[in-house]
Amino acid sequence: IVNSADALPLRSGCFDSVWTIGLIHHLPDHLALQTIREMHRVCR
């Protein structure tokens, strides 16, 4: 899916595990925080 990591177009709790490998160091703090929060949101 094409999307911005800080606004995942997915319903909450729909994945068993959510990963990111080598992305966070490309994001400023505010986007990194929102991305990690979004990952947590879509994880069951």
All heavy atoms as atom14 arrays in JSON, in Angstrom:
{
  "sequence": "IVNSADALPLRSGCFDSVWTIGLIHHLPDHLALQTIREMHRVCR",
  "atom14_mask": [
    [1, 1, 1, 1, 1, 1, 1, 1, 0, 0, 0, 0, 0, 0],
    [1, 1, 1, 1, 1, 1, 1, 0, 0, 0, 0, 0, 0, 0],
    [1, 1, 1, 1, 1, 1, 1, 1, 0, 0, 0, 0, 0, 0],
    [1, 1, 1, 1, 1, 1, 0, 0, 0, 0, 0, 0, 0, 0],
    [1, 1, 1, 1, 1, 0, 0, 0, 0, 0, 0, 0, 0, 0],
    [1, 1, 1, 1, 1, 1, 1, 1, 0, 0, 0, 0, 0, 0],
    [1, 1, 1, 1, 1, 0, 0, 0, 0, 0, 0, 0, 0, 0],
    [1, 1, 1, 1, 1, 1, 1, 1, 0, 0, 0, 0, 0, 0],
    [1, 1, 1, 1, 1, 1, 1, 0, 0, 0, 0, 0, 0, 0],
    [1, 1, 1, 1, 1, 1, 1, 1, 0, 0, 0, 0, 0, 0],
    [1, 1, 1, 1, 1, 1, 1, 1, 1, 1, 1, 0, 0, 0],
    [1, 1, 1, 1, 1, 1, 0, 0, 0, 0, 0, 0, 0, 0],
    [1, 1, 1, 1, 0, 0, 0, 0, 0, 0, 0, 0, 0, 0],
    [1, 1, 1, 1, 1, 1, 0, 0, 0, 0, 0, 0, 0, 0],
    [1, 1, 1, 1, 1, 1, 1, 1, 1, 1, 1, 0, 0, 0],
    [1, 1, 1, 1, 1, 1, 1, 1, 0, 0, 0, 0, 0, 0],
    [1, 1, 1, 1, 1, 1, 0, 0, 0, 0, 0, 0, 0, 0],
    [1, 1, 1, 1, 1, 1, 1, 0, 0, 0, 0, 0, 0, 0],
    [1, 1, 1, 1, 1, 1, 1, 1, 1, 1, 1, 1, 1, 1],
    [1, 1, 1, 1, 1, 1, 1, 0, 0, 0, 0, 0, 0, 0],
    [1, 1, 1, 1, 1, 1, 1, 1, 0, 0, 0, 0, 0, 0],
    [1, 1, 1, 1, 0, 0, 0, 0, 0, 0, 0, 0, 0, 0],
    [1, 1, 1, 1, 1, 1, 1, 1, 0, 0, 0, 0, 0, 0],
    [1, 1, 1, 1, 1, 1, 1, 1, 0, 0, 0, 0, 0, 0],
    [1, 1, 1, 1, 1, 1, 1, 1, 1, 1, 0, 0, 0, 0],
    [1, 1, 1, 1, 1, 1, 1, 1, 1, 1, 0, 0, 0, 0],
    [1, 1, 1, 1, 1, 1, 1, 1, 0, 0, 0, 0, 0, 0],
    [1, 1, 1, 1, 1, 1, 1, 0, 0, 0, 0, 0, 0, 0],
    [1, 1, 1, 1, 1, 1, 1, 1, 0, 0, 0, 0, 0, 0],
    [1, 1, 1, 1, 1, 1, 1, 1, 1, 1, 0, 0, 0, 0],
    [1, 1, 1, 1, 1, 1, 1, 1, 0, 0, 0, 0, 0, 0],
    [1, 1, 1, 1, 1, 0, 0, 0, 0, 0, 0, 0, 0, 0],
    [1, 1, 1, 1, 1, 1, 1, 1, 0, 0, 0, 0, 0, 0],
    [1, 1, 1, 1, 1, 1, 1, 1, 1, 0, 0, 0, 0, 0],
    [1, 1, 1, 1, 1, 1, 1, 0, 0, 0, 0, 0, 0, 0],
    [1, 1, 1, 1, 1, 1, 1, 1, 0, 0, 0, 0, 0, 0],
    [1, 1, 1, 1, 1, 1, 1, 1, 1, 1, 1, 0, 0, 0],
    [1, 1, 1, 1, 1, 1, 1, 1, 1, 0, 0, 0, 0, 0],
    [1, 1, 1, 1, 1, 1, 1, 1, 0, 0, 0, 0, 0, 0],
    [1, 1, 1, 1, 1, 1, 1, 1, 1, 1, 0, 0, 0, 0],
    [1, 1, 1, 1, 1, 1, 1, 1, 1, 1, 1, 0, 0, 0],
    [1, 1, 1, 1, 1, 1, 1, 0, 0, 0, 0, 0, 0, 0],
    [1, 1, 1, 1, 1, 1, 0, 0, 0, 0, 0, 0, 0, 0],
    [1, 1, 1, 1, 1, 1, 1, 1, 1, 1, 1, 0, 0, 0]
  ],
  "atom14_positions": [
    [[0.85, -1.19, 0.0], [0.0, 0.0, 0.0], [0.88, 1.24, 0.0], [1.95, 1.27, 0.61], [-0.97, 0.03, 1.2], [-0.21, -0.12, 2.53], [-2.03, -1.03, 1.07], [-1.08, 0.03, 3.75], [0.0, 0.0, 0.0], [0.0, 0.0, 0.0], [0.0, 0.0, 0.0], [0.0, 0.0, 0.0], [0.0, 0.0, 0.0], [0.0, 0.0, 0.0]],
    [[0.43, 2.25, -0.73], [1.13, 3.53, -0.78], [0.51, 4.43, 0.28], [-0.71, 4.65, 0.27], [1.0, 4.18, -2.18], [1.68, 5.54, -2.2], [1.57, 3.27, -3.25], [0.0, 0.0, 0.0], [0.0, 0.0, 0.0], [0.0, 0.0, 0.0], [0.0, 0.0, 0.0], [0.0, 0.0, 0.0], [0.0, 0.0, 0.0], [0.0, 0.0, 0.0]],
    [[1.33, 4.89, 1.19], [0.83, 5.76, 2.25], [2.01, 6.43, 2.97], [3.15, 6.01, 2.82], [-0.01, 4.98, 3.25], [0.81, 3.94, 3.98], [1.01, 2.85, 3.45], [1.3, 4.25, 5.16], [0.0, 0.0, 0.0], [0.0, 0.0, 0.0], [0.0, 0.0, 0.0], [0.0, 0.0, 0.0], [0.0, 0.0, 0.0], [0.0, 0.0, 0.0]],
    [[1.67, 7.43, 3.73], [2.65, 8.06, 4.61], [2.64, 7.29, 5.93], [1.57, 6.97, 6.45], [2.27, 9.53, 4.85], [3.18, 10.13, 5.71], [0.0, 0.0, 0.0], [0.0, 0.0, 0.0], [0.0, 0.0, 0.0], [0.0, 0.0, 0.0], [0.0, 0.0, 0.0], [0.0, 0.0, 0.0], [0.0, 0.0, 0.0], [0.0, 0.0, 0.0]],
    [[3.8, 7.01, 6.47], [3.9, 6.19, 7.67], [3.25, 6.83, 8.89], [2.85, 6.13, 9.82], [5.37, 5.88, 7.96], [0.0, 0.0, 0.0], [0.0, 0.0, 0.0], [0.0, 0.0, 0.0], [0.0, 0.0, 0.0], [0.0, 0.0, 0.0], [0.0, 0.0, 0.0], [0.0, 0.0, 0.0], [0.0, 0.0, 0.0], [0.0, 0.0, 0.0]],
    [[3.14, 8.14, 8.89], [2.57, 8.82, 10.06], [1.04, 8.9, 10.01], [0.42, 9.44, 10.93], [3.18, 10.21, 10.22], [2.86, 11.13, 9.06], [2.85, 10.66, 7.9], [2.63, 12.33, 9.31], [0.0, 0.0, 0.0], [0.0, 0.0, 0.0], [0.0, 0.0, 0.0], [0.0, 0.0, 0.0], [0.0, 0.0, 0.0], [0.0, 0.0, 0.0]],
    [[0.42, 8.37, 8.97], [-1.04, 8.35, 8.85], [-1.44, 7.09, 8.1], [-1.84, 7.13, 6.94], [-1.53, 9.6, 8.13], [0.0, 0.0, 0.0], [0.0, 0.0, 0.0], [0.0, 0.0, 0.0], [0.0, 0.0, 0.0], [0.0, 0.0, 0.0], [0.0, 0.0, 0.0], [0.0, 0.0, 0.0], [0.0, 0.0, 0.0], [0.0, 0.0, 0.0]],
    [[-1.34, 5.94, 8.76], [-1.64, 4.66, 8.12], [-3.14, 4.55, 7.85], [-3.94, 4.68, 8.78], [-1.16, 3.5, 9.0], [0.35, 3.45, 9.25], [0.69, 2.38, 10.28], [1.11, 3.22, 7.95], [0.0, 0.0, 0.0], [0.0, 0.0, 0.0], [0.0, 0.0, 0.0], [0.0, 0.0, 0.0], [0.0, 0.0, 0.0], [0.0, 0.0, 0.0]],
    [[-3.54, 4.3, 6.6], [-4.96, 4.24, 6.24], [-5.54, 2.87, 6.55], [-6.11, 2.19, 5.69], [-4.93, 4.51, 4.73], [-3.65, 3.9, 4.29], [-2.68, 4.15, 5.42], [0.0, 0.0, 0.0], [0.0, 0.0, 0.0], [0.0, 0.0, 0.0], [0.0, 0.0, 0.0], [0.0, 0.0, 0.0], [0.0, 0.0, 0.0], [0.0, 0.0, 0.0]],
    [[-5.39, 2.45, 7.79], [-5.78, 1.1, 8.2], [-6.57, 1.19, 9.5], [-6.35, 2.1, 10.32], [-4.52, 0.25, 8.43], [-3.58, 0.14, 7.23], [-2.2, -0.32, 7.66], [-4.17, -0.8, 6.19], [0.0, 0.0, 0.0], [0.0, 0.0, 0.0], [0.0, 0.0, 0.0], [0.0, 0.0, 0.0], [0.0, 0.0, 0.0], [0.0, 0.0, 0.0]],
    [[-7.44, 0.21, 9.72], [-8.21, 0.23, 10.96], [-7.33, -0.21, 12.13], [-6.34, -0.93, 11.96], [-9.47, -0.61, 10.84], [-9.27, -2.07, 10.68], [-10.64, -2.79, 10.6], [-10.51, -4.12, 10.08], [-9.95, -5.16, 10.71], [-9.47, -5.01, 11.91], [-9.88, -6.34, 10.14], [0.0, 0.0, 0.0], [0.0, 0.0, 0.0], [0.0, 0.0, 0.0]],
    [[-7.69, 0.24, 13.29], [-6.94, -0.09, 14.51], [-6.96, -1.59, 14.77], [-7.98, -2.25, 14.56], [-7.53, 0.65, 15.71], [-7.43, 2.04, 15.52], [0.0, 0.0, 0.0], [0.0, 0.0, 0.0], [0.0, 0.0, 0.0], [0.0, 0.0, 0.0], [0.0, 0.0, 0.0], [0.0, 0.0, 0.0], [0.0, 0.0, 0.0], [0.0, 0.0, 0.0]],
    [[-5.83, -2.11, 15.22], [-5.74, -3.5, 15.65], [-5.82, -4.55, 14.56], [-6.18, -5.69, 14.84], [0.0, 0.0, 0.0], [0.0, 0.0, 0.0], [0.0, 0.0, 0.0], [0.0, 0.0, 0.0], [0.0, 0.0, 0.0], [0.0, 0.0, 0.0], [0.0, 0.0, 0.0], [0.0, 0.0, 0.0], [0.0, 0.0, 0.0], [0.0, 0.0, 0.0]],
    [[-5.5, -4.22, 13.33], [-5.7, -5.18, 12.23], [-4.48, -6.04, 11.9], [-4.57, -6.92, 11.05], [-6.23, -4.47, 10.99], [-5.15, -3.21, 10.32], [0.0, 0.0, 0.0], [0.0, 0.0, 0.0], [0.0, 0.0, 0.0], [0.0, 0.0, 0.0], [0.0, 0.0, 0.0], [0.0, 0.0, 0.0], [0.0, 0.0, 0.0], [0.0, 0.0, 0.0]],
    [[-3.33, -5.84, 12.57], [-2.15, -6.64, 12.28], [-1.63, -7.35, 13.53], [-1.71, -6.81, 14.63], [-1.03, -5.78, 11.69], [-1.29, -5.38, 10.27], [-1.92, -4.19, 9.98], [-0.94, -6.23, 9.23], [-2.2, -3.83, 8.66], [-1.21, -5.89, 7.91], [-1.84, -4.69, 7.64], [0.0, 0.0, 0.0], [0.0, 0.0, 0.0], [0.0, 0.0, 0.0]],
    [[-1.1, -8.55, 13.35], [-0.51, -9.31, 14.45], [0.83, -8.73, 14.87], [1.2, -8.78, 16.03], [-0.33, -10.78, 14.05], [-1.67, -11.45, 13.76], [-2.58, -11.31, 14.59], [-1.79, -12.07, 12.69], [0.0, 0.0, 0.0], [0.0, 0.0, 0.0], [0.0, 0.0, 0.0], [0.0, 0.0, 0.0], [0.0, 0.0, 0.0], [0.0, 0.0, 0.0]],
    [[1.58, -8.23, 13.9], [2.83, -7.53, 14.22], [3.06, -6.45, 13.17], [2.66, -6.59, 12.01], [4.03, -8.47, 14.33], [4.38, -9.02, 13.1], [0.0, 0.0, 0.0], [0.0, 0.0, 0.0], [0.0, 0.0, 0.0], [0.0, 0.0, 0.0], [0.0, 0.0, 0.0], [0.0, 0.0, 0.0], [0.0, 0.0, 0.0], [0.0, 0.0, 0.0]],
    [[3.68, -5.36, 13.62], [3.95, -4.21, 12.77], [5.43, -3.89, 12.92], [5.93, -3.72, 14.03], [3.08, -3.0, 13.15], [3.33, -1.84, 12.2], [1.6, -3.37, 13.16], [0.0, 0.0, 0.0], [0.0, 0.0, 0.0], [0.0, 0.0, 0.0], [0.0, 0.0, 0.0], [0.0, 0.0, 0.0], [0.0, 0.0, 0.0], [0.0, 0.0, 0.0]],
    [[6.13, -3.81, 11.79], [7.58, -3.64, 11.76], [7.98, -2.37, 11.03], [7.28, -1.93, 10.12], [8.22, -4.8, 11.0], [8.07, -6.14, 11.62], [6.92, -6.88, 11.76], [9.1, -6.93, 12.18], [7.19, -8.07, 12.36], [8.53, -8.14, 12.63], [10.47, -6.74, 12.35], [9.27, -9.13, 13.24], [11.22, -7.74, 12.95], [10.61, -8.92, 13.39]],
    [[9.13, -1.86, 11.38], [9.82, -0.89, 10.55], [11.31, -1.15, 10.67], [11.82, -1.37, 11.76], [9.46, 0.58, 10.88], [10.05, 1.41, 9.88], [9.92, 1.0, 12.24], [0.0, 0.0, 0.0], [0.0, 0.0, 0.0], [0.0, 0.0, 0.0], [0.0, 0.0, 0.0], [0.0, 0.0, 0.0], [0.0, 0.0, 0.0], [0.0, 0.0, 0.0]],
    [[11.98, -1.18, 9.54], [13.41, -1.47, 9.49], [14.09, -0.32, 8.74], [13.91, -0.17, 7.54], [13.69, -2.82, 8.81], [12.97, -3.94, 9.56], [15.19, -3.08, 8.72], [13.0, -5.3, 8.88], [0.0, 0.0, 0.0], [0.0, 0.0, 0.0], [0.0, 0.0, 0.0], [0.0, 0.0, 0.0], [0.0, 0.0, 0.0], [0.0, 0.0, 0.0]],
    [[14.84, 0.48, 9.47], [15.62, 1.54, 8.84], [14.82, 2.72, 8.33], [15.27, 3.41, 7.42], [0.0, 0.0, 0.0], [0.0, 0.0, 0.0], [0.0, 0.0, 0.0], [0.0, 0.0, 0.0], [0.0, 0.0, 0.0], [0.0, 0.0, 0.0], [0.0, 0.0, 0.0], [0.0, 0.0, 0.0], [0.0, 0.0, 0.0], [0.0, 0.0, 0.0]],
    [[13.67, 3.0, 8.91], [12.87, 4.14, 8.48], [13.01, 5.35, 9.4], [13.11, 6.48, 8.94], [11.38, 3.75, 8.41], [10.4, 4.91, 8.16], [10.63, 5.51, 6.77], [8.97, 4.46, 8.35], [0.0, 0.0, 0.0], [0.0, 0.0, 0.0], [0.0, 0.0, 0.0], [0.0, 0.0, 0.0], [0.0, 0.0, 0.0], [0.0, 0.0, 0.0]],
    [[13.04, 5.12, 10.68], [12.93, 6.19, 11.66], [14.03, 7.24, 11.51], [13.79, 8.43, 11.71], [12.88, 5.62, 13.1], [11.69, 4.67, 13.25], [12.84, 6.72, 14.14], [10.32, 5.27, 12.98], [0.0, 0.0, 0.0], [0.0, 0.0, 0.0], [0.0, 0.0, 0.0], [0.0, 0.0, 0.0], [0.0, 0.0, 0.0], [0.0, 0.0, 0.0]],
    [[15.23, 6.85, 11.11], [16.3, 7.85, 10.97], [16.14, 8.74, 9.74], [16.93, 9.64, 9.52], [17.69, 7.18, 11.01], [18.05, 6.38, 9.81], [17.61, 5.09, 9.61], [18.83, 6.69, 8.75], [18.1, 4.65, 8.47], [18.84, 5.6, 7.92], [0.0, 0.0, 0.0], [0.0, 0.0, 0.0], [0.0, 0.0, 0.0], [0.0, 0.0, 0.0]],
    [[15.08, 8.51, 8.98], [14.75, 9.39, 7.85], [13.68, 10.42, 8.24], [13.31, 11.25, 7.41], [14.24, 8.57, 6.66], [15.3, 7.73, 6.03], [16.17, 8.21, 5.1], [15.64, 6.43, 6.24], [17.0, 7.24, 4.73], [16.7, 6.15, 5.41], [0.0, 0.0, 0.0], [0.0, 0.0, 0.0], [0.0, 0.0, 0.0], [0.0, 0.0, 0.0]],
    [[13.19, 10.36, 9.47], [12.08, 11.19, 9.89], [12.47, 12.14, 11.03], [13.14, 11.7, 11.98], [10.92, 10.31, 10.38], [10.41, 9.24, 9.41], [9.37, 8.37, 10.1], [9.85, 9.88, 8.16], [0.0, 0.0, 0.0], [0.0, 0.0, 0.0], [0.0, 0.0, 0.0], [0.0, 0.0, 0.0], [0.0, 0.0, 0.0], [0.0, 0.0, 0.0]],
    [[12.02, 13.39, 10.97], [12.23, 14.28, 12.12], [11.42, 13.76, 13.31], [10.5, 12.95, 13.15], [11.73, 15.63, 11.62], [10.78, 15.32, 10.53], [11.27, 14.04, 9.9], [0.0, 0.0, 0.0], [0.0, 0.0, 0.0], [0.0, 0.0, 0.0], [0.0, 0.0, 0.0], [0.0, 0.0, 0.0], [0.0, 0.0, 0.0], [0.0, 0.0, 0.0]],
    [[11.73, 14.26, 14.49], [11.11, 13.73, 15.72], [9.59, 13.68, 15.67], [9.0, 12.66, 16.03], [11.55, 14.55, 16.94], [12.99, 14.28, 17.34], [13.64, 13.39, 16.75], [13.47, 14.97, 18.27], [0.0, 0.0, 0.0], [0.0, 0.0, 0.0], [0.0, 0.0, 0.0], [0.0, 0.0, 0.0], [0.0, 0.0, 0.0], [0.0, 0.0, 0.0]],
    [[8.94, 14.74, 15.25], [7.47, 14.75, 15.29], [6.86, 13.69, 14.36], [5.87, 13.05, 14.71], [6.9, 16.15, 14.99], [7.03, 16.6, 13.57], [8.23, 17.03, 13.03], [6.11, 16.66, 12.57], [8.04, 17.35, 11.75], [6.77, 17.14, 11.45], [0.0, 0.0, 0.0], [0.0, 0.0, 0.0], [0.0, 0.0, 0.0], [0.0, 0.0, 0.0]],
    [[7.47, 13.46, 13.2], [6.97, 12.41, 12.3], [7.35, 11.01, 12.8], [6.58, 10.06, 12.65], [7.5, 12.61, 10.88], [6.93, 13.82, 10.13], [7.57, 13.93, 8.75], [5.42, 13.73, 10.02], [0.0, 0.0, 0.0], [0.0, 0.0, 0.0], [0.0, 0.0, 0.0], [0.0, 0.0, 0.0], [0.0, 0.0, 0.0], [0.0, 0.0, 0.0]],
    [[8.53, 10.89, 13.4], [8.94, 9.6, 13.97], [7.98, 9.2, 15.09], [7.54, 8.05, 15.16], [10.37, 9.68, 14.47], [0.0, 0.0, 0.0], [0.0, 0.0, 0.0], [0.0, 0.0, 0.0], [0.0, 0.0, 0.0], [0.0, 0.0, 0.0], [0.0, 0.0, 0.0], [0.0, 0.0, 0.0], [0.0, 0.0, 0.0], [0.0, 0.0, 0.0]],
    [[7.66, 10.15, 15.97], [6.72, 9.86, 17.06], [5.36, 9.42, 16.52], [4.79, 8.42, 16.97], [6.53, 11.11, 17.94], [7.61, 11.4, 18.96], [7.44, 12.8, 19.53], [7.6, 10.35, 20.05], [0.0, 0.0, 0.0], [0.0, 0.0, 0.0], [0.0, 0.0, 0.0], [0.0, 0.0, 0.0], [0.0, 0.0, 0.0], [0.0, 0.0, 0.0]],
    [[4.85, 10.16, 15.55], [3.54, 9.84, 14.99], [3.57, 8.49, 14.27], [2.62, 7.71, 14.35], [3.04, 10.95, 14.06], [1.63, 10.75, 13.57], [0.59, 10.61, 14.68], [0.73, 11.16, 15.76], [-0.43, 9.82, 14.41], [0.0, 0.0, 0.0], [0.0, 0.0, 0.0], [0.0, 0.0, 0.0], [0.0, 0.0, 0.0], [0.0, 0.0, 0.0]],
    [[4.66, 8.18, 13.58], [4.79, 6.9, 12.89], [4.77, 5.74, 13.88], [4.05, 4.75, 13.68], [6.09, 6.87, 12.06], [5.98, 7.84, 11.02], [6.37, 5.5, 11.46], [0.0, 0.0, 0.0], [0.0, 0.0, 0.0], [0.0, 0.0, 0.0], [0.0, 0.0, 0.0], [0.0, 0.0, 0.0], [0.0, 0.0, 0.0], [0.0, 0.0, 0.0]],
    [[5.52, 5.86, 14.96], [5.56, 4.79, 15.96], [4.19, 4.64, 16.62], [3.72, 3.52, 16.86], [6.68, 5.05, 16.98], [8.04, 5.03, 16.29], [6.64, 4.01, 18.1], [9.19, 5.62, 17.11], [0.0, 0.0, 0.0], [0.0, 0.0, 0.0], [0.0, 0.0, 0.0], [0.0, 0.0, 0.0], [0.0, 0.0, 0.0], [0.0, 0.0, 0.0]],
    [[3.52, 5.75, 16.88], [2.16, 5.69, 17.46], [1.18, 5.01, 16.49], [0.32, 4.24, 16.91], [1.69, 7.09, 17.81], [2.4, 7.66, 19.02], [1.96, 9.07, 19.33], [2.67, 9.56, 20.5], [3.16, 10.79, 20.62], [3.01, 11.68, 19.64], [3.8, 11.13, 21.72], [0.0, 0.0, 0.0], [0.0, 0.0, 0.0], [0.0, 0.0, 0.0]],
    [[1.32, 5.31, 15.2], [0.46, 4.68, 14.2], [0.73, 3.17, 14.13], [-0.2, 2.37, 14.0], [0.67, 5.32, 12.83], [-0.09, 6.6, 12.63], [-1.58, 6.37, 12.55], [-2.1, 5.99, 11.48], [-2.25, 6.55, 13.59], [0.0, 0.0, 0.0], [0.0, 0.0, 0.0], [0.0, 0.0, 0.0], [0.0, 0.0, 0.0], [0.0, 0.0, 0.0]],
    [[1.99, 2.79, 14.21], [2.33, 1.37, 14.21], [1.65, 0.67, 15.39], [1.09, -0.42, 15.25], [3.84, 1.19, 14.26], [4.55, 1.62, 13.0], [6.35, 1.62, 13.18], [6.68, -0.09, 13.57], [0.0, 0.0, 0.0], [0.0, 0.0, 0.0], [0.0, 0.0, 0.0], [0.0, 0.0, 0.0], [0.0, 0.0, 0.0], [0.0, 0.0, 0.0]],
    [[1.71, 1.3, 16.55], [1.07, 0.75, 17.75], [-0.44, 0.66, 17.56], [-1.07, -0.34, 17.92], [1.43, 1.62, 18.95], [0.95, 1.05, 20.25], [-0.24, 1.44, 20.81], [1.5, 0.14, 21.08], [-0.41, 0.78, 21.94], [0.63, -0.01, 22.13], [0.0, 0.0, 0.0], [0.0, 0.0, 0.0], [0.0, 0.0, 0.0], [0.0, 0.0, 0.0]],
    [[-1.03, 1.68, 16.97], [-2.48, 1.72, 16.77], [-2.97, 0.56, 15.9], [-3.99, -0.06, 16.19], [-2.89, 3.05, 16.14], [-4.41, 3.17, 15.92], [-4.76, 4.45, 15.18], [-4.26, 4.49, 13.81], [-4.81, 3.86, 12.77], [-5.87, 3.09, 12.92], [-4.28, 3.98, 11.55], [0.0, 0.0, 0.0], [0.0, 0.0, 0.0], [0.0, 0.0, 0.0]],
    [[-2.27, 0.27, 14.81], [-2.75, -0.77, 13.89], [-2.36, -2.18, 14.32], [-2.78, -3.15, 13.71], [-2.32, -0.51, 12.41], [-2.85, 0.84, 11.93], [-0.83, -0.62, 12.23], [0.0, 0.0, 0.0], [0.0, 0.0, 0.0], [0.0, 0.0, 0.0], [0.0, 0.0, 0.0], [0.0, 0.0, 0.0], [0.0, 0.0, 0.0], [0.0, 0.0, 0.0]],
    [[-1.58, -2.29, 15.38], [-1.22, -3.61, 15.92], [-2.34, -4.07, 16.85], [-2.89, -3.3, 17.64], [0.1, -3.49, 16.7], [0.73, -5.06, 17.27], [0.0, 0.0, 0.0], [0.0, 0.0, 0.0], [0.0, 0.0, 0.0], [0.0, 0.0, 0.0], [0.0, 0.0, 0.0], [0.0, 0.0, 0.0], [0.0, 0.0, 0.0], [0.0, 0.0, 0.0]],
    [[-2.68, -5.34, 16.76], [-3.76, -5.88, 17.59], [-3.32, -5.98, 19.05], [-2.12, -6.12, 19.33], [-4.2, -7.25, 17.08], [-3.17, -8.34, 17.34], [-3.75, -9.72, 17.14], [-2.7, -10.73, 17.18], [-2.13, -11.19, 18.28], [-2.5, -10.74, 19.46], [-1.18, -12.11, 18.23], [0.0, 0.0, 0.0], [0.0, 0.0, 0.0], [0.0, 0.0, 0.0]]
  ]
}
